[in-house]
Amino acid sequence: MSSDINDRNMVIFMFVLFYIYLATIRAKLDIMKDWKNIRCNPMYLFLSSFIVSNQKSVSNFNKCVDQMASNAISNNLTRANMTQLNIENKINNMSDKAISDNSNIQTRIDTVNTRNIDISDNVTNIISTHRQNNTQNNTTTDAINTFANRVAEIFDNLKSYLPNIRT
């Protein structure tokens, strides 16, 4: 009986080994069928020497590492270029804003200068009018003083003449 149990266990063990062997062969065939698509998959990259020859495995590993590095560098360069473009756009926007602001400031400076010229002209006109008024005032004052002196002279003459008439 013990021999039957051993035989049975041996048959089951051989069957399990055969099943594992067939499953391994099937997995290898499935991998070989889709090798181009999965050869750089990290899960298969280090196990490729079981599927293909050692020389092809090393060559495949080098190609995959080169491709991954190339993709990583390309992605980083693309991000760097996008960042550079964003910075350039921001600088251009700031430059356009500065030009617009300078134009607005120049317009306001021109307006202030025009108003200053108008105010200066008005002040000049006021000063000129004030000088004319002063000149006219001086002329009028002189005429009034002359008139007052003549009236005083007439009254002085009348005073000196009137006493002569009474006598």
Protein backbone atom coordinates (compact mmCIF):
# COMPACT_ATOMS: atom_id res chain seq x y z
CA MET A 1 0.00 0.00 0.00
CA SER A 2 2.77 2.32 0.72
CA SER A 3 4.10 1.64 -2.73
CA ASP A 4 0.75 2.65 -4.26
CA ILE A 5 0.75 5.89 -2.30
CA ASN A 6 4.30 6.61 -3.41
CA ASP A 7 3.44 5.79 -7.01
CA ARG A 8 0.36 7.97 -6.87
CA ASN A 9 2.32 10.85 -5.32
CA MET A 10 5.01 10.39 -7.95
CA VAL A 11 2.45 10.53 -10.77
CA ILE A 12 0.83 13.65 -9.27
CA PHE A 13 4.25 15.26 -8.84
CA MET A 14 5.21 14.42 -12.44
CA PHE A 15 1.86 15.73 -13.66
CA VAL A 16 2.37 19.03 -11.73
CA LEU A 17 5.90 19.34 -13.16
CA PHE A 18 4.61 18.65 -16.66
CA TYR A 19 1.83 21.22 -16.16
CA ILE A 20 4.35 23.84 -14.95
CA TYR A 21 6.58 23.02 -17.92
CA LEU A 22 3.68 23.41 -20.38
CA ALA A 23 2.59 26.66 -18.69
CA THR A 24 6.16 27.98 -18.96
CA ILE A 25 6.36 27.00 -22.64
CA ARG A 26 2.97 28.63 -23.30
CA ALA A 27 4.00 31.82 -21.47
CA LYS A 28 7.26 31.86 -23.45
CA LEU A 29 5.35 31.44 -26.73
CA ASP A 30 2.90 34.21 -25.79
CA ILE A 31 5.80 36.49 -24.91
CA MET A 32 7.65 35.63 -28.14
CA LYS A 33 4.51 36.33 -30.19
CA ASP A 34 4.22 39.88 -28.75
CA TRP A 35 7.94 40.43 -28.09
CA LYS A 36 8.24 43.70 -30.06
CA ASN A 37 5.56 45.36 -27.92
CA ILE A 38 6.69 44.10 -24.51
CA ARG A 39 10.47 43.78 -24.84
CA CYS A 40 11.07 47.08 -22.96
CA ASN A 41 8.53 46.32 -20.26
CA PRO A 42 10.54 46.30 -17.01
CA MET A 43 8.87 43.04 -15.95
CA TYR A 44 10.30 41.25 -19.01
CA LEU A 45 13.46 43.29 -19.50
CA PHE A 46 15.51 41.41 -16.92
CA LEU A 47 13.97 38.02 -17.76
CA SER A 48 14.59 38.27 -21.49
CA SER A 49 17.62 35.95 -21.36
CA PHE A 50 15.16 33.10 -20.69
CA ILE A 51 13.22 33.99 -23.84
CA VAL A 52 15.92 34.99 -26.35
CA SER A 53 19.64 34.38 -26.59
CA ASN A 54 21.99 36.08 -24.16
CA GLN A 55 23.55 38.29 -26.87
CA LYS A 56 20.10 39.44 -28.04
CA SER A 57 19.09 39.98 -24.44
CA VAL A 58 22.06 42.31 -23.82
CA SER A 59 21.43 44.11 -27.10
CA ASN A 60 17.72 44.44 -26.26
CA PHE A 61 18.57 45.74 -22.78
CA ASN A 62 20.90 48.40 -24.25
CA LYS A 63 18.30 49.46 -26.84
CA CYS A 64 15.58 49.71 -24.20
CA VAL A 65 17.75 51.71 -21.81
CA ASP A 66 18.77 54.02 -24.69
CA GLN A 67 15.13 54.43 -25.72
CA MET A 68 14.00 55.14 -22.13
CA ALA A 69 16.81 57.68 -21.68
CA SER A 70 16.01 59.26 -25.03
CA ASN A 71 12.31 59.50 -24.12
CA ALA A 72 13.13 60.97 -20.71
CA ILE A 73 15.48 63.55 -22.25
CA SER A 74 12.95 64.35 -24.97
CA ASN A 75 10.19 64.84 -22.38
CA ASN A 76 12.44 67.05 -20.26
CA LEU A 77 13.48 69.11 -23.29
CA THR A 78 9.84 69.46 -24.35
CA ARG A 79 8.93 70.69 -20.86
CA ALA A 80 11.92 73.04 -20.87
CA ASN A 81 10.89 74.40 -24.28
CA MET A 82 7.31 74.90 -23.09
CA THR A 83 8.59 76.68 -19.98
CA GLN A 84 10.84 78.85 -22.15
CA LEU A 85 7.92 79.69 -24.46
CA ASN A 86 5.76 80.59 -21.45
CA ILE A 87 8.52 82.83 -20.12
CA GLU A 88 8.97 84.45 -23.56
CA ASN A 89 5.21 85.05 -23.78
CA LYS A 90 5.18 86.62 -20.32
CA ILE A 91 8.15 88.82 -21.23
CA ASN A 92 6.46 89.86 -24.49
CA ASN A 93 3.23 90.65 -22.60
CA MET A 94 5.18 92.68 -20.06
CA SER A 95 7.01 94.49 -22.86
CA ASP A 96 3.73 95.27 -24.64
CA LYS A 97 2.27 96.53 -21.35
CA ALA A 98 5.35 98.70 -20.75
CA ILE A 99 5.07 100.16 -24.27
CA SER A 100 1.38 100.85 -23.72
CA ASP A 101 2.08 102.42 -20.33
CA ASN A 102 4.85 104.56 -21.83
CA SER A 103 2.47 105.71 -24.56
CA ASN A 104 -0.16 106.61 -21.93
CA ILE A 105 2.44 108.45 -19.87
CA GLN A 106 3.65 110.37 -22.96
CA THR A 107 0.05 111.34 -23.76
CA ARG A 108 -0.41 112.61 -20.20
CA ILE A 109 2.90 114.49 -20.34
CA ASP A 110 1.80 116.14 -23.59
CA THR A 111 -1.52 117.10 -21.97
CA VAL A 112 0.28 118.56 -18.94
CA ASN A 113 2.69 120.46 -21.21
CA THR A 114 -0.23 121.87 -23.23
CA ARG A 115 -1.98 122.94 -20.02
CA ASN A 116 1.25 124.49 -18.73
CA ILE A 117 1.60 126.46 -21.97
CA ASP A 118 -2.04 127.60 -21.68
CA ILE A 119 -1.51 128.60 -18.05
CA SER A 120 1.74 130.37 -18.94
CA ASP A 121 -0.04 132.28 -21.75
CA ASN A 122 -2.84 133.21 -19.33
CA VAL A 123 -0.34 134.41 -16.72
CA THR A 124 1.50 136.41 -19.40
CA ASN A 125 -1.81 137.98 -20.49
CA ILE A 126 -2.72 138.80 -16.88
CA ILE A 127 0.70 140.40 -16.28
CA SER A 128 0.38 142.38 -19.51
CA THR A 129 -3.13 143.55 -18.57
CA HIS A 130 -1.89 144.42 -15.07
CA ARG A 131 0.96 146.49 -16.55
CA GLN A 132 -1.47 148.23 -18.90
CA ASN A 133 -3.76 148.96 -15.95
CA ASN A 134 -0.83 150.29 -13.92
CA THR A 135 0.25 152.50 -16.83
CA GLN A 136 -3.30 153.75 -17.32
CA ASN A 137 -3.67 154.24 -13.57
CA ASN A 138 -0.45 156.27 -13.50
CA THR A 139 -1.60 158.29 -16.53
CA THR A 140 -5.02 158.88 -14.95
CA THR A 141 -3.47 159.77 -11.62
CA ASP A 142 -1.16 162.27 -13.35
CA ALA A 143 -4.12 163.76 -15.23
CA ILE A 144 -6.16 163.98 -12.03
CA ASN A 145 -3.24 165.55 -10.20
CA THR A 146 -2.77 168.02 -13.04
CA PHE A 147 -6.52 168.79 -13.02
CA ALA A 148 -6.50 169.18 -9.24
CA ASN A 149 -3.51 171.51 -9.45
CA ARG A 150 -5.24 173.61 -12.12
CA VAL A 151 -8.47 173.75 -10.08
CA ALA A 152 -6.40 174.77 -7.07
CA GLU A 153 -4.68 177.38 -9.22
CA ILE A 154 -8.07 178.67 -10.42
CA PHE A 155 -9.31 178.91 -6.84
CA ASP A 156 -6.11 180.63 -5.82
CA ASN A 157 -6.59 183.05 -8.70
CA LEU A 158 -10.23 183.53 -7.73
CA LYS A 159 -9.20 184.17 -4.13
CA SER A 160 -6.71 186.74 -5.22
CA TYR A 161 -9.13 188.26 -7.70
CA LEU A 162 -12.20 188.36 -5.44
CA PRO A 163 -10.67 190.54 -2.77
CA ASN A 164 -9.72 193.02 -5.47
CA ILE A 165 -13.32 193.20 -6.67
CA ARG A 166 -14.79 194.11 -3.27
CA THR A 167 -12.73 197.04 -2.72
